Amino acid sequence: MAYERELEVACAAAKAAGEIIRERYGTALQIHYKGEVDLVSEVDMQSEALITAAIREAFPDDQIYAEENGITEGRSGRCWHIDPLDGTTNFSHAFPHFCVSIALRQGHDTLVGVLYEPLRQWCFRAVRDGGAFLNDRPIRVSTTHQLDAALLATGFPYDRRTNPDNNTAAFAHLIRFCQGIRRAGSAALDLAFVAAGWLDGYWEDRLHSWDIAAGALIVEEAGGFVTGLRGEPFDPMRGQIIAANPDVHRQLVAHLAKIPHPTCWPEARP
């Protein structure tokens, strides 16, 4: 199998980081704020250090782009995108929805994607053109055909308190046309749930490549469609995504095109 070694290293690193996360789940944490509502804990840092060390040892010429420590240069033309704990706010509240996300990209292509949910020990994984798996079981996106029967997921950007382009207009529109919308707080794990067929579709804006590169590949390899918010080719560096089964994806693109770009906050109500 292509990239077998890369997948093996990524899975092992994700699971080892998951052990750290699982051991610290529900314990007292040292929390720091990167922004008004954007958290980081010592567990994020420990998880990232373990993952980057494992990748650096196995592939010393590869670049690493990690959430907490930024870019470590490499000369191979390949880059690992790492979120050591996607869903830190959830983790800090002991809300059980978070994961480790690791992706290997070269040029415009994601080659390997691994998402590890440490509490249930779910390892979602994919290699380009090799299918998608949950542990050792192949997974496929759902077969829901109509948006009105679809269960969706989304999220809201960290600057939602100050930026009127905060996804609330799209949420308010789509909640009228689908079966339900979940906002669980981990973009990577939401994408895994789309790939497994547990969610029918997902959209979000202003994310980072480490949030979505691995999950997007897993959705594609599970038979789903992944694009930008207007249906344009997906680029994880732009941070915009719609991921869904093919029928729901088409309808999500059409509905999101109807959302006007906000120019100001609504008038305050007493």
Protein backbone atom coordinates (compact mmCIF):
# COMPACT_ATOMS: atom_id res chain seq x y z
CA MET A 1 0.00 0.00 0.00
CA ALA A 2 1.25 3.49 -0.84
CA TYR A 3 2.34 5.55 2.18
CA GLU A 4 2.08 2.53 4.46
CA ARG A 5 4.99 3.73 6.61
CA GLU A 6 3.57 7.25 6.84
CA LEU A 7 0.18 5.91 7.91
CA GLU A 8 1.77 3.61 10.48
CA VAL A 9 3.76 6.44 12.05
CA ALA A 10 0.79 8.82 12.08
CA CYS A 11 -1.53 6.25 13.68
CA ALA A 12 1.02 5.31 16.32
CA ALA A 13 1.74 8.96 17.15
CA ALA A 14 -1.96 9.82 17.34
CA LYS A 15 -2.67 6.90 19.66
CA ALA A 16 0.29 7.72 21.91
CA ALA A 17 -0.88 11.33 22.14
CA GLY A 18 -4.36 10.03 22.80
CA GLU A 19 -3.04 8.17 25.85
CA ILE A 20 -1.85 11.47 27.31
CA ILE A 21 -5.20 13.09 26.56
CA ARG A 22 -7.20 10.22 28.00
CA GLU A 23 -5.15 10.18 31.23
CA ARG A 24 -5.72 13.90 31.75
CA TYR A 25 -9.40 13.92 30.81
CA GLY A 26 -11.48 15.35 33.65
CA THR A 27 -8.47 16.48 35.70
CA ALA A 28 -7.40 20.02 36.64
CA LEU A 29 -5.69 21.75 33.71
CA GLN A 30 -3.45 24.76 33.20
CA ILE A 31 -5.41 26.83 30.69
CA HIS A 32 -4.13 29.78 28.71
CA TYR A 33 -6.05 32.00 26.28
CA LYS A 34 -4.76 32.52 22.75
CA GLY A 35 -7.81 34.69 22.05
CA GLU A 36 -11.06 35.73 23.64
CA VAL A 37 -12.52 32.22 23.45
CA ASP A 38 -9.54 30.24 22.08
CA LEU A 39 -7.90 28.00 24.67
CA VAL A 40 -4.69 26.01 24.95
CA SER A 41 -3.71 23.64 27.74
CA GLU A 42 -0.51 21.89 28.77
CA VAL A 43 -2.08 18.72 27.35
CA ASP A 44 -2.17 20.31 23.87
CA MET A 45 1.52 21.10 24.21
CA GLN A 46 2.47 17.62 25.47
CA SER A 47 0.46 15.93 22.74
CA GLU A 48 2.01 18.10 20.04
CA ALA A 49 5.54 17.54 21.32
CA LEU A 50 5.06 13.77 21.20
CA ILE A 51 3.61 13.80 17.68
CA THR A 52 6.19 16.14 16.19
CA ALA A 53 9.06 14.16 17.77
CA ALA A 54 7.73 10.92 16.28
CA ILE A 55 7.34 12.44 12.82
CA ARG A 56 10.70 14.20 12.97
CA GLU A 57 12.42 10.92 13.90
CA ALA A 58 10.71 8.94 11.13
CA PHE A 59 10.79 11.59 8.39
CA PRO A 60 13.50 14.14 9.24
CA ASP A 61 13.28 15.91 5.88
CA ASP A 62 9.54 16.65 6.09
CA GLN A 63 8.12 20.01 7.09
CA ILE A 64 5.79 20.16 10.10
CA TYR A 65 2.97 22.69 10.49
CA ALA A 66 1.52 22.34 13.98
CA GLU A 67 -1.14 24.38 15.76
CA GLU A 68 0.81 25.38 18.85
CA ASN A 69 4.40 25.71 17.61
CA GLY A 70 3.96 26.70 13.97
CA ILE A 71 6.27 25.62 11.16
CA THR A 72 9.34 23.42 11.42
CA GLU A 73 11.16 23.61 8.10
CA GLY A 74 11.89 20.62 5.87
CA ARG A 75 13.32 20.03 2.41
CA SER A 76 11.31 17.06 1.09
CA GLY A 77 8.37 19.07 -0.27
CA ARG A 78 6.01 17.25 2.11
CA CYS A 79 4.29 18.82 5.11
CA TRP A 80 2.57 17.32 8.16
CA HIS A 81 -0.41 19.31 9.45
CA ILE A 82 -1.02 18.57 13.13
CA ASP A 83 -3.74 19.49 15.58
CA PRO A 84 -2.69 17.78 18.81
CA LEU A 85 -6.10 18.25 20.44
CA ASP A 86 -8.96 19.48 18.28
CA GLY A 87 -11.69 20.50 20.69
CA THR A 88 -9.65 21.95 23.55
CA THR A 89 -12.64 23.89 24.90
CA ASN A 90 -14.61 20.65 25.05
CA PHE A 91 -11.67 18.88 26.71
CA SER A 92 -11.29 21.62 29.31
CA HIS A 93 -14.95 21.20 30.27
CA ALA A 94 -14.75 17.37 30.18
CA PHE A 95 -17.23 17.40 27.29
CA PRO A 96 -16.38 14.16 25.43
CA HIS A 97 -15.96 15.38 21.85
CA PHE A 98 -12.35 15.95 20.76
CA CYS A 99 -9.60 14.21 18.82
CA VAL A 100 -6.06 14.25 17.50
CA SER A 101 -5.70 15.22 13.82
CA ILE A 102 -2.68 14.44 11.62
CA ALA A 103 -2.43 14.93 7.84
CA LEU A 104 0.41 14.59 5.37
CA ARG A 105 0.25 16.88 2.35
CA GLN A 106 2.42 17.37 -0.72
CA GLY A 107 1.68 20.27 -3.01
CA HIS A 108 -2.10 20.54 -3.33
CA ASP A 109 -2.78 16.92 -2.31
CA THR A 110 -3.44 15.35 1.06
CA LEU A 111 -1.86 11.91 1.03
CA VAL A 112 -2.57 10.56 4.54
CA GLY A 113 -5.18 11.50 7.13
CA VAL A 114 -5.56 10.20 10.69
CA LEU A 115 -8.07 11.23 13.35
CA TYR A 116 -7.93 9.60 16.77
CA GLU A 117 -10.72 9.90 19.34
CA PRO A 118 -9.00 8.77 22.56
CA LEU A 119 -11.97 8.11 24.86
CA ARG A 120 -13.57 5.53 22.56
CA GLN A 121 -10.26 4.62 20.91
CA TRP A 122 -11.63 5.32 17.45
CA CYS A 123 -8.95 5.66 14.77
CA PHE A 124 -10.35 7.12 11.55
CA ARG A 125 -7.81 6.88 8.76
CA ALA A 126 -7.35 7.18 5.02
CA VAL A 127 -4.65 7.12 2.37
CA ARG A 128 -5.24 8.78 -0.98
CA ASP A 129 -7.02 6.28 -3.27
CA GLY A 130 -7.03 3.66 -0.52
CA GLY A 131 -10.48 4.01 1.07
CA ALA A 132 -11.48 5.18 4.53
CA PHE A 133 -11.53 3.16 7.73
CA LEU A 134 -12.65 3.30 11.35
CA ASN A 135 -10.12 1.10 13.09
CA ASP A 136 -10.16 -1.89 10.70
CA ARG A 137 -13.67 -1.42 9.32
CA PRO A 138 -14.30 0.34 5.98
CA ILE A 139 -16.62 3.33 6.28
CA ARG A 140 -18.86 5.17 3.80
CA VAL A 141 -20.79 8.39 3.85
CA SER A 142 -24.55 8.25 4.37
CA THR A 143 -27.15 7.63 1.68
CA THR A 144 -29.51 10.41 2.77
CA HIS A 145 -30.79 12.02 -0.43
CA GLN A 146 -32.76 15.06 0.70
CA LEU A 147 -31.62 17.97 2.83
CA ASP A 148 -34.86 17.94 4.81
CA ALA A 149 -33.90 14.48 6.14
CA ALA A 150 -30.25 15.38 6.76
CA LEU A 151 -28.46 15.77 10.07
CA LEU A 152 -25.81 18.47 9.68
CA ALA A 153 -22.99 19.90 11.76
CA THR A 154 -21.21 23.23 11.80
CA GLY A 155 -19.15 25.52 14.01
CA PHE A 156 -18.61 29.19 14.69
CA PRO A 157 -15.34 31.16 14.34
CA TYR A 158 -13.28 32.31 17.29
CA ASP A 159 -13.92 35.98 16.40
CA ARG A 160 -17.69 35.49 16.45
CA ARG A 161 -18.14 38.15 19.17
CA THR A 162 -16.66 40.89 17.01
CA ASN A 163 -17.05 39.78 13.38
CA PRO A 164 -20.56 39.87 11.88
CA ASP A 165 -19.54 37.20 9.37
CA ASN A 166 -19.93 34.58 12.10
CA ASN A 167 -22.03 31.81 10.48
CA THR A 168 -25.18 32.63 12.42
CA ALA A 169 -27.04 33.71 9.26
CA ALA A 170 -26.23 30.41 7.54
CA PHE A 171 -27.22 28.47 10.66
CA ALA A 172 -30.54 30.33 10.93
CA HIS A 173 -31.27 29.67 7.26
CA LEU A 174 -30.32 25.98 7.14
CA ILE A 175 -32.07 25.00 10.37
CA ARG A 176 -35.34 25.63 8.52
CA PHE A 177 -34.50 23.17 5.74
CA CYS A 178 -32.79 20.19 7.40
CA GLN A 179 -33.67 17.65 10.06
CA GLY A 180 -31.23 19.08 12.58
CA ILE A 181 -27.88 20.80 13.12
CA ARG A 182 -25.28 19.85 15.70
CA ARG A 183 -22.58 22.18 16.98
CA ALA A 184 -20.28 19.84 18.93
CA GLY A 185 -17.02 21.80 18.88
CA SER A 186 -14.47 19.70 16.95
CA ALA A 187 -14.23 20.29 13.21
CA ALA A 188 -11.98 17.26 12.72
CA LEU A 189 -14.28 14.87 14.56
CA ASP A 190 -17.35 16.28 12.80
CA LEU A 191 -15.66 15.38 9.51
CA ALA A 192 -14.97 11.88 10.79
CA PHE A 193 -18.66 11.52 11.60
CA VAL A 194 -19.57 12.59 8.05
CA ALA A 195 -17.18 9.95 6.69
CA ALA A 196 -18.76 7.29 8.91
CA GLY A 197 -22.27 8.24 7.79
CA TRP A 198 -23.33 9.44 11.27
CA LEU A 199 -23.70 12.97 9.96
CA ASP A 200 -24.95 13.76 6.46
CA GLY A 201 -23.10 17.03 5.98
CA TYR A 202 -20.89 19.67 7.56
CA TRP A 203 -19.88 23.22 6.73
CA GLU A 204 -17.69 25.82 8.41
CA ASP A 205 -15.49 28.84 7.69
CA ARG A 206 -12.28 30.37 9.07
CA LEU A 207 -10.63 27.12 10.08
CA HIS A 208 -7.00 26.07 9.81
CA SER A 209 -5.46 23.34 7.70
CA TRP A 210 -4.65 21.28 10.79
CA ASP A 211 -8.38 21.26 11.64
CA ILE A 212 -9.65 19.93 8.32
CA ALA A 213 -6.95 18.44 6.06
CA ALA A 214 -7.07 14.94 7.55
CA GLY A 215 -10.85 14.84 7.92
CA ALA A 216 -11.43 16.09 4.38
CA LEU A 217 -9.36 13.25 2.92
CA ILE A 218 -11.21 10.70 5.05
CA VAL A 219 -14.57 12.05 3.83
CA GLU A 220 -13.44 11.91 0.20
CA GLU A 221 -12.13 8.37 0.58
CA ALA A 222 -15.47 7.41 2.18
CA GLY A 223 -17.30 8.55 -0.98
CA GLY A 224 -18.18 12.10 0.04
CA PHE A 225 -17.70 15.43 -1.69
CA VAL A 226 -15.52 18.15 -0.17
CA THR A 227 -15.33 21.71 -1.52
CA GLY A 228 -15.15 25.31 -0.44
CA LEU A 229 -18.29 27.13 0.61
CA ARG A 230 -19.30 28.03 -2.95
CA GLY A 231 -18.57 24.61 -4.38
CA GLU A 232 -15.08 25.56 -5.54
CA PRO A 233 -12.17 23.09 -5.27
CA PHE A 234 -11.24 22.43 -1.66
CA ASP A 235 -8.07 24.01 -0.27
CA PRO A 236 -7.46 23.43 3.45
CA MET A 237 -5.20 26.47 3.55
CA ARG A 238 -8.24 28.68 2.84
CA GLY A 239 -10.12 27.30 5.83
CA GLN A 240 -13.55 26.98 4.18
CA ILE A 241 -15.31 23.66 3.81
CA ILE A 242 -18.47 21.85 2.86
CA ALA A 243 -18.23 18.07 3.33
CA ALA A 244 -21.20 15.79 2.75
CA ASN A 245 -22.53 12.85 0.83
CA PRO A 246 -22.95 13.79 -2.86
CA ASP A 247 -26.70 14.59 -2.75
CA VAL A 248 -26.60 16.63 0.45
CA HIS A 249 -23.44 18.40 -0.71
CA ARG A 250 -25.17 19.68 -3.84
CA GLN A 251 -28.08 21.03 -1.79
CA LEU A 252 -25.81 22.62 0.83
CA VAL A 253 -23.90 24.50 -1.87
CA ALA A 254 -27.17 25.81 -3.30
CA HIS A 255 -28.52 26.93 0.07
CA LEU A 256 -25.30 28.56 1.26
CA ALA A 257 -25.16 30.56 -1.97
CA LYS A 258 -28.37 32.27 -0.83
CA ILE A 259 -26.82 33.66 2.37
CA PRO A 260 -25.99 37.36 1.99
CA HIS A 261 -22.57 38.48 3.16
CA PRO A 262 -23.19 40.42 6.38
CA THR A 263 -22.08 44.02 6.52
CA CYS A 264 -23.03 44.92 10.07
CA TRP A 265 -24.54 43.53 13.22
CA PRO A 266 -28.33 43.46 13.45
CA GLU A 267 -29.76 46.31 15.44
CA ALA A 268 -29.72 45.69 19.17
CA ARG A 269 -32.99 44.56 20.68
CA PRO A 270 -34.08 45.72 24.16
